[in-house]
PDB file of N, CA and C in Angstrom:
ATOM      1  N   MET A   1     -26.766  17.430 -15.044  1.00  0.00           N
ATOM      2  CA  MET A   1     -25.916  16.340 -14.471  1.00  0.00           C
ATOM      3  C   MET A   1     -25.849  16.542 -12.964  1.00  0.00           C
ATOM      4  N   PRO A   2     -26.195  15.411 -12.141  1.00  0.00           N
ATOM      5  CA  PRO A   2     -26.172  15.539 -10.637  1.00  0.00           C
ATOM      6  C   PRO A   2     -24.735  15.735 -10.165  1.00  0.00           C
ATOM      7  N   ALA A   3     -24.682  16.419  -9.092  1.00  0.00           N
ATOM      8  CA  ALA A   3     -23.463  16.717  -8.444  1.00  0.00           C
ATOM      9  C   ALA A   3     -22.924  15.312  -7.735  1.00  0.00           C
ATOM     10  N   PRO A   4     -21.664  15.022  -7.783  1.00  0.00           N
ATOM     11  CA  PRO A   4     -21.167  13.823  -7.149  1.00  0.00           C
ATOM     12  C   PRO A   4     -21.504  13.908  -5.680  1.00  0.00           C
ATOM     13  N   PRO A   5     -21.737  12.638  -4.909  1.00  0.00           N
ATOM     14  CA  PRO A   5     -21.910  12.701  -3.539  1.00  0.00           C
ATOM     15  C   PRO A   5     -20.755  13.214  -2.781  1.00  0.00           C
ATOM     16  N   ALA A   6     -20.927  13.872  -1.708  1.00  0.00           N
ATOM     17  CA  ALA A   6     -19.886  14.296  -0.911  1.00  0.00           C
ATOM     18  C   ALA A   6     -19.204  13.107  -0.223  1.00  0.00           C
ATOM     19  N   VAL A   7     -17.921  13.151  -0.096  1.00  0.00           N
ATOM     20  CA  VAL A   7     -17.141  12.034   0.437  1.00  0.00           C
ATOM     21  C   VAL A   7     -16.348  12.514   1.684  1.00  0.00           C
ATOM     22  N   ASP A   8     -16.446  11.857   2.804  1.00  0.00           N
ATOM     23  CA  ASP A   8     -15.683  12.162   3.901  1.00  0.00           C
ATOM     24  C   ASP A   8     -14.508  11.245   3.917  1.00  0.00           C
ATOM     25  N   LEU A   9     -13.440  11.733   3.209  1.00  0.00           N
ATOM     26  CA  LEU A   9     -12.210  10.905   3.134  1.00  0.00           C
ATOM     27  C   LEU A   9     -11.623  10.391   4.328  1.00  0.00           C
ATOM     28  N   PRO A  10     -11.506  11.368   5.400  1.00  0.00           N
ATOM     29  CA  PRO A  10     -10.863  10.758   6.633  1.00  0.00           C
ATOM     30  C   PRO A  10     -11.674   9.618   7.182  1.00  0.00           C
ATOM     31  N   LEU A  11     -13.073   9.664   7.174  1.00  0.00           N
ATOM     32  CA  LEU A  11     -13.868   8.545   7.576  1.00  0.00           C
ATOM     33  C   LEU A  11     -13.576   7.334   6.769  1.00  0.00           C
ATOM     34  N   GLU A  12     -13.459   7.402   5.515  1.00  0.00           N
ATOM     35  CA  GLU A  12     -13.293   6.235   4.579  1.00  0.00           C
ATOM     36  C   GLU A  12     -11.932   5.692   4.891  1.00  0.00           C
ATOM     37  N   LEU A  13     -10.892   6.505   5.107  1.00  0.00           N
ATOM     38  CA  LEU A  13      -9.587   5.929   5.518  1.00  0.00           C
ATOM     39  C   LEU A  13      -9.552   5.193   6.752  1.00  0.00           C
ATOM     40  N   GLU A  14     -10.375   5.746   7.617  1.00  0.00           N
ATOM     41  CA  GLU A  14     -10.407   5.049   9.029  1.00  0.00           C
ATOM     42  C   GLU A  14     -10.950   3.659   8.839  1.00  0.00           C
ATOM     43  N   ARG A  15     -11.978   3.609   8.056  1.00  0.00           N
ATOM     44  CA  ARG A  15     -12.544   2.289   7.724  1.00  0.00           C
ATOM     45  C   ARG A  15     -11.577   1.292   7.231  1.00  0.00           C
ATOM     46  N   LEU A  16     -10.670   1.777   6.436  1.00  0.00           N
ATOM     47  CA  LEU A  16      -9.679   0.871   5.852  1.00  0.00           C
ATOM     48  C   LEU A  16      -8.626   0.499   6.858  1.00  0.00           C
ATOM     49  N   ARG A  17      -8.581   1.066   7.956  1.00  0.00           N
ATOM     50  CA  ARG A  17      -7.377   0.756   8.992  1.00  0.00           C
ATOM     51  C   ARG A  17      -7.326  -0.682   9.393  1.00  0.00           C
ATOM     52  N   ALA A  18      -8.516  -1.291   9.482  1.00  0.00           N
ATOM     53  CA  ALA A  18      -8.441  -2.768   9.887  1.00  0.00           C
ATOM     54  C   ALA A  18      -7.879  -3.680   8.719  1.00  0.00           C
ATOM     55  N   LEU A  19      -8.240  -3.277   7.593  1.00  0.00           N
ATOM     56  CA  LEU A  19      -7.572  -4.086   6.349  1.00  0.00           C
ATOM     57  C   LEU A  19      -6.148  -3.778   6.229  1.00  0.00           C
ATOM     58  N   ALA A  20      -5.745  -2.674   6.488  1.00  0.00           N
ATOM     59  CA  ALA A  20      -4.275  -2.238   6.354  1.00  0.00           C
ATOM     60  C   ALA A  20      -3.503  -2.858   7.606  1.00  0.00           C
ATOM     61  N   ARG A  21      -4.076  -3.047   8.787  1.00  0.00           N
ATOM     62  CA  ARG A  21      -3.415  -3.741   9.875  1.00  0.00           C
ATOM     63  C   ARG A  21      -3.308  -5.227   9.600  1.00  0.00           C
ATOM     64  N   THR A  22      -4.336  -5.726   8.940  1.00  0.00           N
ATOM     65  CA  THR A  22      -4.389  -7.157   8.713  1.00  0.00           C
ATOM     66  C   THR A  22      -3.230  -7.481   7.718  1.00  0.00           C
ATOM     67  N   LEU A  23      -3.076  -6.620   6.710  1.00  0.00           N
ATOM     68  CA  LEU A  23      -2.125  -6.866   5.677  1.00  0.00           C
ATOM     69  C   LEU A  23      -0.726  -6.536   6.111  1.00  0.00           C
ATOM     70  N   ALA A  24      -0.494  -5.405   6.665  1.00  0.00           N
ATOM     71  CA  ALA A  24       0.863  -4.957   6.810  1.00  0.00           C
ATOM     72  C   ALA A  24       1.280  -4.710   8.363  1.00  0.00           C
ATOM     73  N   ARG A  25       0.425  -5.042   9.249  1.00  0.00           N
ATOM     74  CA  ARG A  25       0.672  -4.880  10.601  1.00  0.00           C
ATOM     75  C   ARG A  25       1.373  -3.475  10.977  1.00  0.00           C
ATOM     76  N   ALA A  26       2.716  -3.506  11.053  1.00  0.00           N
ATOM     77  CA  ALA A  26       3.541  -2.404  11.561  1.00  0.00           C
ATOM     78  C   ALA A  26       3.473  -1.262  10.522  1.00  0.00           C
ATOM     79  N   ASP A  27       3.294  -1.566   9.175  1.00  0.00           N
ATOM     80  CA  ASP A  27       3.301  -0.586   8.202  1.00  0.00           C
ATOM     81  C   ASP A  27       1.875  -0.186   7.705  1.00  0.00           C
ATOM     82  N   ALA A  28       0.983  -0.337   8.587  1.00  0.00           N
ATOM     83  CA  ALA A  28      -0.432  -0.105   8.255  1.00  0.00           C
ATOM     84  C   ALA A  28      -0.553   1.373   8.021  1.00  0.00           C
ATOM     85  N   ASP A  29       0.011   2.265   8.810  1.00  0.00           N
ATOM     86  CA  ASP A  29      -0.058   3.700   8.702  1.00  0.00           C
ATOM     87  C   ASP A  29       0.445   4.171   7.336  1.00  0.00           C
ATOM     88  N   ASP A  30       1.585   3.563   6.918  1.00  0.00           N
ATOM     89  CA  ASP A  30       2.095   3.863   5.588  1.00  0.00           C
ATOM     90  C   ASP A  30       1.172   3.530   4.423  1.00  0.00           C
ATOM     91  N   LEU A  31       0.459   2.307   4.490  1.00  0.00           N
ATOM     92  CA  LEU A  31      -0.546   1.970   3.516  1.00  0.00           C
ATOM     93  C   LEU A  31      -1.713   2.929   3.443  1.00  0.00           C
ATOM     94  N   ILE A  32      -2.085   3.296   4.641  1.00  0.00           N
ATOM     95  CA  ILE A  32      -3.299   4.323   4.719  1.00  0.00           C
ATOM     96  C   ILE A  32      -2.881   5.602   4.058  1.00  0.00           C
ATOM     97  N   GLN A  33      -1.610   5.995   4.462  1.00  0.00           N
ATOM     98  CA  GLN A  33      -1.146   7.329   3.779  1.00  0.00           C
ATOM     99  C   GLN A  33      -0.987   7.174   2.245  1.00  0.00           C
ATOM    100  N   ASP A  34      -0.521   6.119   1.736  1.00  0.00           N
ATOM    101  CA  ASP A  34      -0.401   5.889   0.325  1.00  0.00           C
ATOM    102  C   ASP A  34      -1.857   5.912  -0.303  1.00  0.00           C
ATOM    103  N   ALA A  35      -2.811   5.324   0.309  1.00  0.00           N
ATOM    104  CA  ALA A  35      -4.120   5.288  -0.203  1.00  0.00           C
ATOM    105  C   ALA A  35      -4.696   6.697  -0.237  1.00  0.00           C
ATOM    106  N   ALA A  36      -4.412   7.432   0.817  1.00  0.00           N
ATOM    107  CA  ALA A  36      -4.944   8.791   0.837  1.00  0.00           C
ATOM    108  C   ALA A  36      -4.231   9.647  -0.274  1.00  0.00           C
ATOM    109  N   ALA A  37      -2.971   9.468  -0.466  1.00  0.00           N
ATOM    110  CA  ALA A  37      -2.301  10.220  -1.566  1.00  0.00           C
ATOM    111  C   ALA A  37      -2.856   9.968  -2.837  1.00  0.00           C
ATOM    112  N   ALA A  38      -3.208   8.617  -3.098  1.00  0.00           N
ATOM    113  CA  ALA A  38      -3.713   8.199  -4.393  1.00  0.00           C
ATOM    114  C   ALA A  38      -5.104   8.723  -4.654  1.00  0.00           C
ATOM    115  N   ALA A  39      -5.893   8.855  -3.475  1.00  0.00           N
ATOM    116  CA  ALA A  39      -7.260   9.391  -3.686  1.00  0.00           C
ATOM    117  C   ALA A  39      -7.268  10.821  -3.947  1.00  0.00           C
ATOM    118  N   MET A  40      -6.208  11.575  -3.477  1.00  0.00           N
ATOM    119  CA  MET A  40      -6.193  13.017  -3.811  1.00  0.00           C
ATOM    120  C   MET A  40      -5.595  13.206  -5.159  1.00  0.00           C
ATOM    121  N   ALA A  41      -4.646  12.406  -5.420  1.00  0.00           N
ATOM    122  CA  ALA A  41      -3.905  12.689  -6.837  1.00  0.00           C
ATOM    123  C   ALA A  41      -4.732  12.199  -8.001  1.00  0.00           C
ATOM    124  N   HIS A  42      -5.324  11.001  -7.834  1.00  0.00           N
ATOM    125  CA  HIS A  42      -6.163  10.450  -8.944  1.00  0.00           C
ATOM    126  C   HIS A  42      -7.393   9.808  -8.333  1.00  0.00           C
ATOM    127  N   PRO A  43      -8.471  10.545  -8.077  1.00  0.00           N
ATOM    128  CA  PRO A  43      -9.483  10.083  -7.536  1.00  0.00           C
ATOM    129  C   PRO A  43     -10.294   9.128  -8.457  1.00  0.00           C
ATOM    130  N   PRO A  44     -11.189   8.271  -7.890  1.00  0.00           N
ATOM    131  CA  PRO A  44     -11.991   7.450  -8.842  1.00  0.00           C
ATOM    132  C   PRO A  44     -12.994   8.200  -9.575  1.00  0.00           C
ATOM    133  N   ALA A  45     -13.519   7.588 -10.579  1.00  0.00           N
ATOM    134  CA  ALA A  45     -14.638   8.222 -11.341  1.00  0.00           C
ATOM    135  C   ALA A  45     -15.894   8.454 -10.293  1.00  0.00           C
ATOM    136  N   THR A  46     -16.584   9.512 -10.666  1.00  0.00           N
ATOM    137  CA  THR A  46     -17.647   9.909  -9.754  1.00  0.00           C
ATOM    138  C   THR A  46     -18.731   8.951  -9.618  1.00  0.00           C
ATOM    139  N   ASP A  47     -18.888   7.986 -10.477  1.00  0.00           N
ATOM    140  CA  ASP A  47     -19.959   6.956 -10.331  1.00  0.00           C
ATOM    141  C   ASP A  47     -19.460   5.767  -9.562  1.00  0.00           C
ATOM    142  N   ARG A  48     -18.230   5.661  -9.214  1.00  0.00           N
ATOM    143  CA  ARG A  48     -17.705   4.575  -8.330  1.00  0.00           C
ATOM    144  C   ARG A  48     -17.627   5.005  -6.831  1.00  0.00           C
ATOM    145  N   PRO A  49     -18.110   4.040  -6.007  1.00  0.00           N
ATOM    146  CA  PRO A  49     -17.990   4.360  -4.539  1.00  0.00           C
ATOM    147  C   PRO A  49     -16.469   4.347  -4.114  1.00  0.00           C
ATOM    148  N   ILE A  50     -16.227   5.256  -3.266  1.00  0.00           N
ATOM    149  CA  ILE A  50     -14.827   5.473  -2.889  1.00  0.00           C
ATOM    150  C   ILE A  50     -14.201   4.366  -1.995  1.00  0.00           C
ATOM    151  N   GLY A  51     -15.053   3.816  -1.047  1.00  0.00           N
ATOM    152  CA  GLY A  51     -14.638   2.815  -0.118  1.00  0.00           C
ATOM    153  C   GLY A  51     -13.976   1.629  -0.737  1.00  0.00           C
ATOM    154  N   PRO A  52     -14.751   0.909  -1.684  1.00  0.00           N
ATOM    155  CA  PRO A  52     -14.050  -0.348  -2.339  1.00  0.00           C
ATOM    156  C   PRO A  52     -12.901   0.103  -3.230  1.00  0.00           C
ATOM    157  N   TRP A  53     -12.975   1.259  -3.792  1.00  0.00           N
ATOM    158  CA  TRP A  53     -11.866   1.691  -4.571  1.00  0.00           C
ATOM    159  C   TRP A  53     -10.629   1.953  -3.801  1.00  0.00           C
ATOM    160  N   LEU A  54     -10.759   2.547  -2.548  1.00  0.00           N
ATOM    161  CA  LEU A  54      -9.689   2.738  -1.701  1.00  0.00           C
ATOM    162  C   LEU A  54      -9.087   1.423  -1.233  1.00  0.00           C
ATOM    163  N   ALA A  55      -9.938   0.411  -0.937  1.00  0.00           N
ATOM    164  CA  ALA A  55      -9.546  -0.927  -0.486  1.00  0.00           C
ATOM    165  C   ALA A  55      -8.631  -1.608  -1.580  1.00  0.00           C
ATOM    166  N   THR A  56      -9.117  -1.380  -2.835  1.00  0.00           N
ATOM    167  CA  THR A  56      -8.257  -1.953  -3.949  1.00  0.00           C
ATOM    168  C   THR A  56      -6.900  -1.260  -4.007  1.00  0.00           C
ATOM    169  N   VAL A  57      -6.971   0.078  -3.893  1.00  0.00           N
ATOM    170  CA  VAL A  57      -5.608   0.764  -3.935  1.00  0.00           C
ATOM    171  C   VAL A  57      -4.667   0.252  -2.763  1.00  0.00           C
ATOM    172  N   LEU A  58      -5.251   0.156  -1.598  1.00  0.00           N
ATOM    173  CA  LEU A  58      -4.495  -0.336  -0.470  1.00  0.00           C
ATOM    174  C   LEU A  58      -3.879  -1.737  -0.701  1.00  0.00           C
ATOM    175  N   ARG A  59      -4.717  -2.669  -1.164  1.00  0.00           N
ATOM    176  CA  ARG A  59      -4.288  -3.950  -1.505  1.00  0.00           C
ATOM    177  C   ARG A  59      -3.083  -4.013  -2.536  1.00  0.00           C
ATOM    178  N   ASN A  60      -3.437  -3.242  -3.573  1.00  0.00           N
ATOM    179  CA  ASN A  60      -2.380  -3.136  -4.693  1.00  0.00           C
ATOM    180  C   ASN A  60      -1.102  -2.544  -4.162  1.00  0.00           C
ATOM    181  N   ARG A  61      -1.150  -1.563  -3.347  1.00  0.00           N
ATOM    182  CA  ARG A  61       0.089  -0.870  -2.764  1.00  0.00           C
ATOM    183  C   ARG A  61       0.928  -1.928  -1.938  1.00  0.00           C
ATOM    184  N   TRP A  62       0.053  -2.617  -1.132  1.00  0.00           N
ATOM    185  CA  TRP A  62       0.719  -3.762  -0.225  1.00  0.00           C
ATOM    186  C   TRP A  62       1.328  -4.756  -1.225  1.00  0.00           C
ATOM    187  N   ARG A  63       0.705  -5.189  -2.231  1.00  0.00           N
ATOM    188  CA  ARG A  63       1.296  -6.221  -3.193  1.00  0.00           C
ATOM    189  C   ARG A  63       2.617  -5.613  -3.808  1.00  0.00           C
ATOM    190  N   MET A  64       2.555  -4.438  -4.238  1.00  0.00           N
ATOM    191  CA  MET A  64       3.746  -3.700  -4.837  1.00  0.00           C
ATOM    192  C   MET A  64       4.915  -3.704  -3.817  1.00  0.00           C
ATOM    193  N   ASP A  65       4.521  -3.434  -2.633  1.00  0.00           N
ATOM    194  CA  ASP A  65       5.622  -3.288  -1.480  1.00  0.00           C
ATOM    195  C   ASP A  65       6.199  -4.654  -1.264  1.00  0.00           C
ATOM    196  N   ARG A  66       5.391  -5.665  -1.197  1.00  0.00           N
ATOM    197  CA  ARG A  66       5.797  -7.067  -1.003  1.00  0.00           C
ATOM    198  C   ARG A  66       6.770  -7.504  -2.194  1.00  0.00           C
ATOM    199  N   ARG A  67       6.316  -7.305  -3.360  1.00  0.00           N
ATOM    200  CA  ARG A  67       7.192  -7.538  -4.605  1.00  0.00           C
ATOM    201  C   ARG A  67       8.487  -6.923  -4.546  1.00  0.00           C
ATOM    202  N   GLY A  68       8.504  -5.627  -4.172  1.00  0.00           N
ATOM    203  CA  GLY A  68       9.672  -4.874  -4.078  1.00  0.00           C
ATOM    204  C   GLY A  68      10.627  -5.286  -3.089  1.00  0.00           C
ATOM    205  N   ALA A  69      10.133  -5.770  -1.915  1.00  0.00           N
ATOM    206  CA  ALA A  69      10.950  -6.361  -0.836  1.00  0.00           C
ATOM    207  C   ALA A  69      11.483  -7.659  -1.323  1.00  0.00           C
ATOM    208  N   ALA A  70      10.765  -8.490  -2.093  1.00  0.00           N
ATOM    209  CA  ALA A  70      11.256  -9.767  -2.426  1.00  0.00           C
ATOM    210  C   ALA A  70      12.390  -9.575  -3.435  1.00  0.00           C
ATOM    211  N   ARG A  71      12.169  -8.630  -4.339  1.00  0.00           N
ATOM    212  CA  ARG A  71      13.229  -8.385  -5.288  1.00  0.00           C
ATOM    213  C   ARG A  71      14.459  -7.830  -4.648  1.00  0.00           C
ATOM    214  N   ARG A  72      14.347  -6.939  -3.732  1.00  0.00           N
ATOM    215  CA  ARG A  72      15.541  -6.393  -2.945  1.00  0.00           C
ATOM    216  C   ARG A  72      16.228  -7.563  -2.277  1.00  0.00           C
ATOM    217  N   VAL A  73      15.595  -8.429  -1.608  1.00  0.00           N
ATOM    218  CA  VAL A  73      16.237  -9.469  -0.917  1.00  0.00           C
ATOM    219  C   VAL A  73      16.907 -10.366  -1.948  1.00  0.00           C
ATOM    220  N   ALA A  74      16.248 -10.725  -3.090  1.00  0.00           N
ATOM    221  CA  ALA A  74      16.938 -11.515  -4.116  1.00  0.00           C
ATOM    222  C   ALA A  74      18.217 -10.866  -4.676  1.00  0.00           C
ATOM    223  N   ARG A  75      18.040  -9.649  -4.855  1.00  0.00           N
ATOM    224  CA  ARG A  75      19.142  -8.897  -5.486  1.00  0.00           C
ATOM    225  C   ARG A  75      20.336  -8.880  -4.427  1.00  0.00           C
ATOM    226  N   GLU A  76      20.071  -8.644  -3.264  1.00  0.00           N
ATOM    227  CA  GLU A  76      21.101  -8.587  -2.224  1.00  0.00           C
ATOM    228  C   GLU A  76      21.787  -9.935  -2.077  1.00  0.00           C
ATOM    229  N   ASP A  77      20.994 -11.073  -2.152  1.00  0.00           N
ATOM    230  CA  ASP A  77      21.553 -12.342  -2.010  1.00  0.00           C
ATOM    231  C   ASP A  77      22.453 -12.671  -3.170  1.00  0.00           C
ATOM    232  N   THR A  78      22.104 -12.286  -4.451  1.00  0.00           N
ATOM    233  CA  THR A  78      22.972 -12.529  -5.592  1.00  0.00           C
ATOM    234  C   THR A  78      24.158 -11.644  -5.622  1.00  0.00           C
ATOM    235  N   THR A  79      24.154 -10.496  -5.019  1.00  0.00           N
ATOM    236  CA  THR A  79      25.358  -9.601  -5.119  1.00  0.00           C
ATOM    237  C   THR A  79      26.154  -9.586  -3.841  1.00  0.00           C
ATOM    238  N   ALA A  80      25.742 -10.398  -2.903  1.00  0.00           N
ATOM    239  CA  ALA A  80      26.454 -10.447  -1.599  1.00  0.00           C
ATOM    240  C   ALA A  80      27.821 -11.123  -1.804  1.00  0.00           C
ATOM    241  N   LEU A  81      28.933 -10.617  -1.192  1.00  0.00           N
ATOM    242  CA  LEU A  81      30.187 -11.219  -1.292  1.00  0.00           C
ATOM    243  C   LEU A  81      30.223 -12.351  -0.339  1.00  0.00           C
ATOM    244  N   PRO A  82      30.915 -13.557  -0.673  1.00  0.00           N
ATOM    245  CA  PRO A  82      30.917 -14.597   0.120  1.00  0.00           C
ATOM    246  C   PRO A  82      31.855 -14.249   1.365  1.00  0.00           C
ATOM    247  N   GLU A  83      31.602 -14.810   2.491  1.00  0.00           N
ATOM    248  CA  GLU A  83      32.329 -14.400   3.659  1.00  0.00           C
ATOM    249  C   GLU A  83      33.792 -14.954   3.534  1.00  0.00           C
ATOM    250  N   ALA A  84      34.679 -14.266   3.938  1.00  0.00           N
ATOM    251  CA  ALA A  84      36.070 -14.631   3.910  1.00  0.00           C
ATOM    252  C   ALA A  84      36.246 -15.994   4.755  1.00  0.00           C
ATOM    253  N   ALA A  85      36.943 -16.828   4.206  1.00  0.00           N
ATOM    254  CA  ALA A  85      37.307 -18.059   4.944  1.00  0.00           C
ATOM    255  C   ALA A  85      38.116 -17.738   6.138  1.00  0.00           C
ATOM    256  N   THR A  86      37.783 -18.264   7.338  1.00  0.00           N
ATOM    257  CA  THR A  86      38.558 -17.970   8.528  1.00  0.00           C
ATOM    258  C   THR A  86      39.725 -19.013   8.556  1.00  0.00           C
ATOM    259  N   PRO A  87      40.820 -18.508   8.877  1.00  0.00           N
ATOM    260  CA  PRO A  87      42.121 -19.405   8.865  1.00  0.00           C
ATOM    261  C   PRO A  87      41.846 -20.494  10.079  1.00  0.00           C
ATOM    262  N   ALA A  88      42.355 -21.685   9.811  1.00  0.00           N
ATOM    263  CA  ALA A  88      42.092 -22.773  10.802  1.00  0.00           C
ATOM    264  C   ALA A  88      43.301 -22.894  11.737  1.00  0.00           C
TER     265      ALA A  88
END
């Protein structure tokens, strides 16, 4: 069985920076960090190229963050107390 090809993870993550900036602007570094953590914790199968896999991880994380933010806003809107009426 042949050895898996060597991967330069920092180089691959640097290539993703443009995608992360396009998606998240100010939070791009957080997305890159999440993709790196995923790559180290659960790397793709050895027969899969890591670049496209990391791009998918990054996009999925961005979607999860957006869904979470939308849920948080909706939850806060439903639980917000009505402002007290000001006396006239």
